[in-house]
Amino acid sequence: MLPLVCIMIFSGCGTTAVEMVKMEASSSEERNLQTKSYETNDYIEVFAASLSTMQDLGFNVDLTNKELGIISVSKSRDATEVGEQAIGILLALFGANITPALKASQDIRGTVVVIPKDKKTYVRLTVQRILYNAQGGVIGMETIKDAEIYTAFFDKLSKGIFLEDNL
């Protein structure tokens, strides 16, 4: 019974280093989710509003380059999941050590690119996360594709740009 449970738990955790760094081609649907255009050619205003929005969302600014239109941000968060921890405790009672496979923390990294073009300003946000186990080892990486995250960013950004225009 215990080997069967272990196989079920670890079958999704067999990510190799090559798979973790493999780049997937973005589909047009993903790009549409991650990109929004604004009817302004005030690039500096959109860049500043993008930077403020990321800070408002709790990100730390790692790098900005106004000339290239790049903002790089990050934050660290707890990644433990109650169900996963419960299974870990249950398996520990049977003597299994699955601690290296349990998610403990995550780094969330975002990149905002602001591009002026044709009297519009385009903003693209991409967000990734790196999952770590309790020993600090990397156990997974992924691009976040949750529409709610991108919608929240662009809603806040739109309000920020609107407020700047009306001050």
N, C-alpha and C. Protein backbone atom coordinates (compact mmCIF):
# COMPACT_ATOMS: atom_id res chain seq x y z
N MET A 1 0.82 -1.20 0.00
CA MET A 1 0.00 0.00 0.00
C MET A 1 0.87 1.26 0.00
N LEU A 2 1.88 1.29 0.88
CA LEU A 2 2.76 2.46 0.97
C LEU A 2 3.48 2.72 -0.35
N PRO A 3 4.04 1.71 -1.02
CA PRO A 3 4.69 1.98 -2.31
C PRO A 3 3.73 2.55 -3.34
N LEU A 4 2.49 2.09 -3.35
CA LEU A 4 1.50 2.59 -4.29
C LEU A 4 1.22 4.06 -4.04
N VAL A 5 1.06 4.45 -2.78
CA VAL A 5 0.81 5.86 -2.43
C VAL A 5 2.01 6.71 -2.84
N CYS A 6 3.22 6.23 -2.58
CA CYS A 6 4.44 6.97 -2.94
C CYS A 6 4.52 7.17 -4.45
N ILE A 7 4.20 6.14 -5.21
CA ILE A 7 4.24 6.24 -6.67
C ILE A 7 3.24 7.28 -7.14
N MET A 8 2.05 7.30 -6.57
CA MET A 8 1.05 8.28 -6.97
C MET A 8 1.50 9.70 -6.66
N ILE A 9 2.13 9.89 -5.50
CA ILE A 9 2.56 11.23 -5.12
C ILE A 9 3.72 11.71 -5.98
N PHE A 10 4.69 10.84 -6.19
CA PHE A 10 5.90 11.25 -6.89
C PHE A 10 5.78 11.21 -8.41
N SER A 11 4.72 10.64 -8.93
CA SER A 11 4.60 10.55 -10.38
C SER A 11 4.54 11.93 -11.02
N GLY A 12 4.02 12.93 -10.34
CA GLY A 12 3.97 14.29 -10.86
C GLY A 12 5.20 15.09 -10.51
N CYS A 13 6.13 14.54 -9.76
CA CYS A 13 7.29 15.29 -9.28
C CYS A 13 8.57 14.92 -10.02
N GLY A 14 8.49 14.15 -11.08
CA GLY A 14 9.68 13.69 -11.77
C GLY A 14 10.21 14.66 -12.80
N THR A 15 10.24 15.93 -12.51
CA THR A 15 10.70 16.94 -13.44
C THR A 15 12.22 16.95 -13.49
N THR A 16 12.76 16.81 -14.68
CA THR A 16 14.21 16.86 -14.82
C THR A 16 14.66 18.30 -14.98
N ALA A 17 15.97 18.52 -14.81
CA ALA A 17 16.53 19.87 -14.95
C ALA A 17 16.28 20.41 -16.36
N VAL A 18 16.37 19.55 -17.36
CA VAL A 18 16.15 19.98 -18.74
C VAL A 18 14.71 20.43 -18.93
N GLU A 19 13.75 19.69 -18.37
CA GLU A 19 12.35 20.06 -18.49
C GLU A 19 12.06 21.37 -17.77
N MET A 20 12.75 21.62 -16.65
CA MET A 20 12.48 22.82 -15.87
C MET A 20 12.91 24.08 -16.60
N VAL A 21 13.95 24.02 -17.42
CA VAL A 21 14.42 25.22 -18.09
C VAL A 21 13.99 25.29 -19.54
N LYS A 22 13.27 24.29 -20.02
CA LYS A 22 12.80 24.28 -21.39
C LYS A 22 11.79 25.40 -21.61
N MET A 23 11.99 26.17 -22.64
CA MET A 23 11.10 27.28 -22.96
C MET A 23 9.96 26.78 -23.83
N GLU A 24 8.76 27.16 -23.48
CA GLU A 24 7.61 26.83 -24.30
C GLU A 24 7.27 28.04 -25.17
N ALA A 25 6.89 27.80 -26.38
CA ALA A 25 6.50 28.90 -27.25
C ALA A 25 5.18 29.47 -26.76
N SER A 26 5.12 30.79 -26.66
CA SER A 26 3.89 31.43 -26.22
C SER A 26 2.88 31.41 -27.35
N SER A 27 1.68 31.05 -27.02
CA SER A 27 0.62 31.07 -28.02
C SER A 27 0.08 32.49 -28.13
N SER A 28 -0.64 32.77 -29.19
CA SER A 28 -1.21 34.10 -29.35
C SER A 28 -2.22 34.38 -28.23
N GLU A 29 -2.87 33.34 -27.73
CA GLU A 29 -3.82 33.51 -26.62
C GLU A 29 -3.09 33.99 -25.36
N GLU A 30 -1.93 33.39 -25.08
CA GLU A 30 -1.13 33.82 -23.92
C GLU A 30 -0.65 35.25 -24.09
N ARG A 31 -0.16 35.58 -25.28
CA ARG A 31 0.32 36.94 -25.53
C ARG A 31 -0.81 37.95 -25.36
N ASN A 32 -2.01 37.59 -25.81
CA ASN A 32 -3.16 38.49 -25.65
C ASN A 32 -3.49 38.70 -24.18
N LEU A 33 -3.36 37.64 -23.39
CA LEU A 33 -3.60 37.72 -21.95
C LEU A 33 -2.56 38.60 -21.28
N GLN A 34 -1.32 38.53 -21.74
CA GLN A 34 -0.20 39.20 -21.11
C GLN A 34 0.03 40.62 -21.63
N THR A 35 -0.64 41.03 -22.69
CA THR A 35 -0.36 42.31 -23.34
C THR A 35 -1.61 43.17 -23.44
N LYS A 36 -1.40 44.48 -23.23
CA LYS A 36 -2.48 45.43 -23.40
C LYS A 36 -1.91 46.70 -24.01
N SER A 37 -2.69 47.34 -24.86
CA SER A 37 -2.25 48.60 -25.46
C SER A 37 -3.04 49.75 -24.85
N TYR A 38 -2.39 50.90 -24.78
CA TYR A 38 -3.01 52.11 -24.24
C TYR A 38 -2.94 53.20 -25.30
N GLU A 39 -4.03 53.93 -25.43
CA GLU A 39 -4.13 54.97 -26.44
C GLU A 39 -3.41 56.23 -25.97
N THR A 40 -2.13 56.10 -25.78
CA THR A 40 -1.30 57.24 -25.41
C THR A 40 0.11 57.00 -25.94
N ASN A 41 0.75 58.07 -26.29
CA ASN A 41 2.15 57.94 -26.69
C ASN A 41 3.06 58.49 -25.59
N ASP A 42 2.48 58.68 -24.39
CA ASP A 42 3.27 59.13 -23.24
C ASP A 42 3.91 57.92 -22.57
N TYR A 43 4.97 57.49 -23.17
CA TYR A 43 5.70 56.30 -22.74
C TYR A 43 6.15 56.40 -21.29
N ILE A 44 6.66 57.55 -20.89
CA ILE A 44 7.17 57.74 -19.52
C ILE A 44 6.05 57.57 -18.50
N GLU A 45 4.88 58.09 -18.81
CA GLU A 45 3.73 57.96 -17.90
C GLU A 45 3.34 56.49 -17.72
N VAL A 46 3.29 55.74 -18.81
CA VAL A 46 2.91 54.33 -18.74
C VAL A 46 3.99 53.52 -18.03
N PHE A 47 5.25 53.84 -18.28
CA PHE A 47 6.35 53.16 -17.61
C PHE A 47 6.26 53.40 -16.09
N ALA A 48 6.08 54.65 -15.68
CA ALA A 48 5.99 54.98 -14.25
C ALA A 48 4.77 54.33 -13.61
N ALA A 49 3.65 54.32 -14.31
CA ALA A 49 2.44 53.69 -13.77
C ALA A 49 2.63 52.17 -13.65
N SER A 50 3.34 51.56 -14.59
CA SER A 50 3.61 50.12 -14.53
C SER A 50 4.47 49.79 -13.32
N LEU A 51 5.49 50.61 -13.09
CA LEU A 51 6.38 50.42 -11.95
C LEU A 51 5.60 50.56 -10.64
N SER A 52 4.78 51.59 -10.53
CA SER A 52 3.97 51.80 -9.32
C SER A 52 2.99 50.66 -9.10
N THR A 53 2.39 50.17 -10.17
CA THR A 53 1.42 49.08 -10.06
C THR A 53 2.07 47.82 -9.50
N MET A 54 3.26 47.49 -10.00
CA MET A 54 3.95 46.30 -9.49
C MET A 54 4.30 46.46 -8.02
N GLN A 55 4.71 47.65 -7.62
CA GLN A 55 5.00 47.89 -6.21
C GLN A 55 3.72 47.79 -5.37
N ASP A 56 2.62 48.32 -5.89
CA ASP A 56 1.33 48.23 -5.18
C ASP A 56 0.90 46.78 -5.00
N LEU A 57 1.30 45.91 -5.91
CA LEU A 57 0.96 44.49 -5.84
C LEU A 57 1.92 43.70 -4.94
N GLY A 58 2.83 44.42 -4.28
CA GLY A 58 3.71 43.79 -3.30
C GLY A 58 5.02 43.27 -3.84
N PHE A 59 5.37 43.63 -5.06
CA PHE A 59 6.63 43.18 -5.63
C PHE A 59 7.76 44.12 -5.25
N ASN A 60 8.95 43.55 -5.12
CA ASN A 60 10.17 44.32 -4.94
C ASN A 60 10.76 44.57 -6.32
N VAL A 61 11.23 45.78 -6.55
CA VAL A 61 11.82 46.12 -7.85
C VAL A 61 13.27 45.65 -7.86
N ASP A 62 13.60 44.79 -8.81
CA ASP A 62 14.96 44.27 -8.95
C ASP A 62 15.76 45.06 -9.97
N LEU A 63 15.10 45.50 -11.03
CA LEU A 63 15.79 46.18 -12.12
C LEU A 63 14.81 47.02 -12.91
N THR A 64 15.24 48.20 -13.28
CA THR A 64 14.46 49.00 -14.23
C THR A 64 15.42 49.57 -15.26
N ASN A 65 14.96 49.66 -16.48
CA ASN A 65 15.71 50.31 -17.53
C ASN A 65 14.70 51.07 -18.37
N LYS A 66 14.61 52.37 -18.10
CA LYS A 66 13.61 53.21 -18.76
C LYS A 66 13.84 53.28 -20.27
N GLU A 67 15.11 53.30 -20.68
CA GLU A 67 15.41 53.40 -22.12
C GLU A 67 14.93 52.17 -22.89
N LEU A 68 15.07 51.00 -22.27
CA LEU A 68 14.63 49.77 -22.91
C LEU A 68 13.19 49.40 -22.56
N GLY A 69 12.61 50.07 -21.56
CA GLY A 69 11.23 49.80 -21.16
C GLY A 69 11.06 48.53 -20.36
N ILE A 70 12.07 48.17 -19.56
CA ILE A 70 12.02 46.90 -18.83
C ILE A 70 11.94 47.15 -17.33
N ILE A 71 11.04 46.42 -16.69
CA ILE A 71 10.91 46.42 -15.24
C ILE A 71 10.94 44.96 -14.80
N SER A 72 11.85 44.64 -13.90
CA SER A 72 11.96 43.28 -13.38
C SER A 72 11.66 43.32 -11.88
N VAL A 73 10.74 42.47 -11.44
CA VAL A 73 10.30 42.47 -10.05
C VAL A 73 10.26 41.06 -9.49
N SER A 74 10.20 40.96 -8.17
CA SER A 74 10.10 39.64 -7.54
C SER A 74 9.50 39.75 -6.16
N LYS A 75 9.02 38.62 -5.66
CA LYS A 75 8.61 38.49 -4.27
C LYS A 75 8.64 37.03 -3.90
N SER A 76 8.84 36.77 -2.62
CA SER A 76 8.87 35.40 -2.11
C SER A 76 7.63 35.15 -1.28
N ARG A 77 7.08 33.96 -1.41
CA ARG A 77 5.86 33.60 -0.69
C ARG A 77 5.94 32.15 -0.23
N ASP A 78 5.11 31.82 0.75
CA ASP A 78 4.94 30.46 1.21
C ASP A 78 4.23 29.68 0.11
N ALA A 79 4.62 28.44 -0.11
CA ALA A 79 4.00 27.63 -1.16
C ALA A 79 3.39 26.35 -0.63
N THR A 80 3.34 26.19 0.69
CA THR A 80 2.81 24.95 1.23
C THR A 80 1.32 24.84 0.96
N GLU A 81 0.89 23.63 0.70
CA GLU A 81 -0.52 23.35 0.46
C GLU A 81 -0.98 22.39 1.54
N VAL A 82 -2.12 22.67 2.13
CA VAL A 82 -2.62 21.91 3.27
C VAL A 82 -2.76 20.43 2.93
N GLY A 83 -3.35 20.09 1.81
CA GLY A 83 -3.54 18.69 1.43
C GLY A 83 -2.21 17.96 1.26
N GLU A 84 -1.26 18.64 0.64
CA GLU A 84 0.05 18.04 0.43
C GLU A 84 0.75 17.80 1.77
N GLN A 85 0.65 18.74 2.69
CA GLN A 85 1.26 18.59 4.01
C GLN A 85 0.61 17.45 4.77
N ALA A 86 -0.71 17.30 4.65
CA ALA A 86 -1.42 16.22 5.35
C ALA A 86 -0.95 14.86 4.85
N ILE A 87 -0.79 14.73 3.54
CA ILE A 87 -0.30 13.46 2.98
C ILE A 87 1.12 13.21 3.46
N GLY A 88 1.94 14.27 3.54
CA GLY A 88 3.31 14.13 4.01
C GLY A 88 3.37 13.63 5.44
N ILE A 89 2.49 14.15 6.28
CA ILE A 89 2.44 13.71 7.68
C ILE A 89 2.00 12.26 7.76
N LEU A 90 1.00 11.91 6.98
CA LEU A 90 0.51 10.53 6.95
C LEU A 90 1.62 9.57 6.51
N LEU A 91 2.32 9.93 5.45
CA LEU A 91 3.41 9.06 4.97
C LEU A 91 4.56 9.01 5.97
N ALA A 92 4.81 10.09 6.68
CA ALA A 92 5.88 10.11 7.68
C ALA A 92 5.56 9.13 8.81
N LEU A 93 4.27 8.98 9.12
CA LEU A 93 3.87 8.02 10.14
C LEU A 93 4.24 6.59 9.74
N PHE A 94 4.31 6.34 8.42
CA PHE A 94 4.70 5.03 7.92
C PHE A 94 6.20 4.95 7.65
N GLY A 95 6.94 5.97 8.03
CA GLY A 95 8.40 5.96 7.89
C GLY A 95 8.94 6.52 6.59
N ALA A 96 8.09 7.05 5.71
CA ALA A 96 8.56 7.61 4.44
C ALA A 96 9.06 9.03 4.65
N ASN A 97 10.13 9.39 3.96
CA ASN A 97 10.65 10.76 4.01
C ASN A 97 10.41 11.41 2.65
N ILE A 98 9.34 12.19 2.56
CA ILE A 98 9.03 12.86 1.30
C ILE A 98 9.31 14.36 1.40
N THR A 99 9.97 14.80 2.46
CA THR A 99 10.26 16.21 2.66
C THR A 99 10.91 16.86 1.43
N PRO A 100 11.86 16.20 0.76
CA PRO A 100 12.47 16.86 -0.41
C PRO A 100 11.48 17.18 -1.53
N ALA A 101 10.33 16.52 -1.58
CA ALA A 101 9.38 16.75 -2.65
C ALA A 101 8.27 17.73 -2.27
N LEU A 102 8.15 18.07 -1.00
CA LEU A 102 7.09 18.97 -0.56
C LEU A 102 7.46 20.42 -0.85
N LYS A 103 6.50 21.17 -1.36
CA LYS A 103 6.72 22.59 -1.64
C LYS A 103 6.76 23.36 -0.33
N ALA A 104 7.77 24.22 -0.16
CA ALA A 104 7.88 25.03 1.05
C ALA A 104 7.77 26.51 0.75
N SER A 105 8.45 26.96 -0.29
CA SER A 105 8.41 28.39 -0.62
C SER A 105 8.47 28.56 -2.13
N GLN A 106 8.22 29.79 -2.54
CA GLN A 106 8.27 30.09 -3.97
C GLN A 106 8.75 31.51 -4.19
N ASP A 107 9.49 31.70 -5.25
CA ASP A 107 9.87 33.03 -5.71
C ASP A 107 9.00 33.32 -6.92
N ILE A 108 8.35 34.46 -6.88
CA ILE A 108 7.52 34.88 -8.01
C ILE A 108 8.26 36.02 -8.69
N ARG A 109 8.51 35.88 -9.96
CA ARG A 109 9.26 36.87 -10.72
C ARG A 109 8.38 37.39 -11.85
N GLY A 110 8.41 38.68 -12.02
CA GLY A 110 7.64 39.29 -13.10
C GLY A 110 8.51 40.21 -13.92
N THR A 111 8.18 40.30 -15.19
CA THR A 111 8.85 41.22 -16.09
C THR A 111 7.79 42.00 -16.84
N VAL A 112 7.94 43.32 -16.80
CA VAL A 112 7.05 44.21 -17.53
C VAL A 112 7.88 44.85 -18.63
N VAL A 113 7.35 44.83 -19.85
CA VAL A 113 8.01 45.50 -20.96
C VAL A 113 7.03 46.53 -21.51
N VAL A 114 7.51 47.77 -21.61
CA VAL A 114 6.69 48.88 -22.10
C VAL A 114 7.28 49.33 -23.44
N ILE A 115 6.44 49.33 -24.48
CA ILE A 115 6.91 49.64 -25.83
C ILE A 115 6.00 50.67 -26.49
N PRO A 116 6.54 51.84 -26.84
CA PRO A 116 5.74 52.82 -27.59
C PRO A 116 5.75 52.45 -29.08
N LYS A 117 4.58 52.50 -29.72
CA LYS A 117 4.50 52.17 -31.14
C LYS A 117 3.20 52.70 -31.72
N ASP A 118 3.32 53.43 -32.83
CA ASP A 118 2.15 53.91 -33.57
C ASP A 118 1.16 54.68 -32.70
N LYS A 119 1.64 55.66 -31.95
CA LYS A 119 0.81 56.51 -31.10
C LYS A 119 0.08 55.75 -30.00
N LYS A 120 0.55 54.54 -29.72
CA LYS A 120 0.04 53.73 -28.62
C LYS A 120 1.23 53.32 -27.78
N THR A 121 0.93 52.84 -26.58
CA THR A 121 1.97 52.26 -25.75
C THR A 121 1.50 50.87 -25.35
N TYR A 122 2.32 49.89 -25.64
CA TYR A 122 2.01 48.49 -25.33
C TYR A 122 2.73 48.08 -24.05
N VAL A 123 2.01 47.32 -23.22
CA VAL A 123 2.59 46.80 -21.98
C VAL A 123 2.40 45.30 -21.99
N ARG A 124 3.49 44.58 -21.72
CA ARG A 124 3.40 43.12 -21.61
C ARG A 124 3.97 42.70 -20.27
N LEU A 125 3.20 41.91 -19.55
CA LEU A 125 3.60 41.35 -18.27
C LEU A 125 3.74 39.84 -18.41
N THR A 126 4.86 39.30 -17.93
CA THR A 126 5.01 37.86 -17.81
C THR A 126 5.38 37.55 -16.37
N VAL A 127 4.82 36.47 -15.85
CA VAL A 127 5.04 36.09 -14.45
C VAL A 127 5.42 34.61 -14.40
N GLN A 128 6.48 34.32 -13.66
CA GLN A 128 6.93 32.95 -13.45
C GLN A 128 7.08 32.70 -11.96
N ARG A 129 7.10 31.44 -11.60
CA ARG A 129 7.40 31.10 -10.21
C ARG A 129 8.35 29.93 -10.16
N ILE A 130 9.20 29.96 -9.13
CA ILE A 130 10.15 28.89 -8.87
C ILE A 130 9.77 28.31 -7.52
N LEU A 131 9.54 27.01 -7.46
CA LEU A 131 9.15 26.34 -6.22
C LEU A 131 10.37 25.70 -5.57
N TYR A 132 10.46 25.83 -4.25
CA TYR A 132 11.57 25.27 -3.48
C TYR A 132 11.03 24.32 -2.42
N ASN A 133 11.82 23.29 -2.09
CA ASN A 133 11.47 22.42 -0.98
C ASN A 133 12.04 23.00 0.31
N ALA A 134 11.82 22.31 1.42
CA ALA A 134 12.25 22.81 2.73
C ALA A 134 13.77 22.95 2.84
N GLN A 135 14.51 22.21 2.02
CA GLN A 135 15.97 22.30 2.04
C GLN A 135 16.50 23.38 1.10
N GLY A 136 15.61 24.08 0.40
CA GLY A 136 16.02 25.13 -0.52
C GLY A 136 16.30 24.66 -1.93
N GLY A 137 16.07 23.39 -2.21
CA GLY A 137 16.28 22.86 -3.55
C GLY A 137 15.12 23.20 -4.47
N VAL A 138 15.42 23.48 -5.72
CA VAL A 138 14.39 23.79 -6.71
C VAL A 138 13.65 22.51 -7.07
N ILE A 139 12.32 22.55 -6.97
CA ILE A 139 11.52 21.37 -7.33
C ILE A 139 10.57 21.65 -8.48
N GLY A 140 10.56 22.88 -8.97
CA GLY A 140 9.69 23.17 -10.10
C GLY A 140 9.76 24.62 -10.52
N MET A 141 9.46 24.85 -11.80
CA MET A 141 9.38 26.19 -12.38
C MET A 141 8.20 26.20 -13.33
N GLU A 142 7.53 27.34 -13.40
CA GLU A 142 6.43 27.44 -14.35
C GLU A 142 6.11 28.89 -14.65
N THR A 143 5.59 29.10 -15.85
CA THR A 143 5.04 30.40 -16.20
C THR A 143 3.61 30.42 -15.70
N ILE A 144 3.24 31.48 -15.03
CA ILE A 144 1.89 31.60 -14.50
C ILE A 144 0.97 32.08 -15.61
N LYS A 145 -0.11 31.34 -15.83
CA LYS A 145 -1.03 31.63 -16.92
C LYS A 145 -2.43 31.96 -16.41
N ASP A 146 -2.55 32.27 -15.13
CA ASP A 146 -3.83 32.57 -14.51
C ASP A 146 -4.33 33.94 -14.98
N ALA A 147 -5.44 33.94 -15.69
CA ALA A 147 -5.99 35.18 -16.25
C ALA A 147 -6.29 36.22 -15.17
N GLU A 148 -6.68 35.79 -13.98
CA GLU A 148 -7.00 36.73 -12.90
C GLU A 148 -5.80 37.61 -12.54
N ILE A 149 -4.62 37.04 -12.54
CA ILE A 149 -3.42 37.79 -12.19
C ILE A 149 -3.16 38.89 -13.20
N TYR A 150 -3.25 38.56 -14.47
CA TYR A 150 -3.00 39.54 -15.52
C TYR A 150 -4.10 40.60 -15.56
N THR A 151 -5.34 40.16 -15.38
CA THR A 151 -6.46 41.10 -15.36
C THR A 151 -6.32 42.08 -14.21
N ALA A 152 -5.94 41.59 -13.03
CA ALA A 152 -5.76 42.47 -11.87
C ALA A 152 -4.67 43.50 -12.14
N PHE A 153 -3.55 43.06 -12.73
CA PHE A 153 -2.47 43.99 -13.03
C PHE A 153 -2.94 45.06 -14.01
N PHE A 154 -3.55 44.66 -15.12
CA PHE A 154 -3.96 45.63 -16.13
C PHE A 154 -5.09 46.53 -15.65
N ASP A 155 -5.99 46.03 -14.80
CA ASP A 155 -7.03 46.89 -14.22
C ASP A 155 -6.40 47.98 -13.36
N LYS A 156 -5.45 47.60 -12.50
CA LYS A 156 -4.77 48.57 -11.65
C LYS A 156 -3.94 49.54 -12.49
N LEU A 157 -3.28 49.03 -13.50
CA LEU A 157 -2.47 49.88 -14.37
C LEU A 157 -3.35 50.88 -15.11
N SER A 158 -4.47 50.43 -15.63
CA SER A 158 -5.39 51.34 -16.33
C SER A 158 -5.88 52.45 -15.42
N LYS A 159 -6.20 52.10 -14.17
CA LYS A 159 -6.63 53.12 -13.21
C LYS A 159 -5.49 54.08 -12.91
N GLY A 160 -4.26 53.56 -12.79
CA GLY A 160 -3.11 54.41 -12.54
C GLY A 160 -2.86 55.38 -13.67
N ILE A 161 -2.98 54.92 -14.89
CA ILE A 161 -2.79 55.80 -16.05
C ILE A 161 -3.90 56.82 -16.11
N PHE A 162 -5.14 56.40 -15.85
CA PHE A 162 -6.26 57.32 -15.84
C PHE A 162 -6.07 58.41 -14.79
N LEU A 163 -5.63 58.03 -13.59
CA LEU A 163 -5.39 59.02 -12.54
C LEU A 163 -4.30 60.00 -12.93
N GLU A 164 -3.24 59.52 -13.57
CA GLU A 164 -2.17 60.40 -14.01
C GLU A 164 -2.69 61.40 -15.05
N ASP A 165 -3.55 60.94 -15.94
CA ASP A 165 -4.09 61.82 -16.98
C ASP A 165 -5.01 62.89 -16.42
N ASN A 166 -5.63 62.60 -15.28
CA ASN A 166 -6.63 63.53 -14.74
C ASN A 166 -6.15 64.31 -13.55
N LEU A 167 -4.87 64.35 -13.31
CA LEU A 167 -4.34 65.16 -12.19
C LEU A 167 -4.07 66.56 -12.63
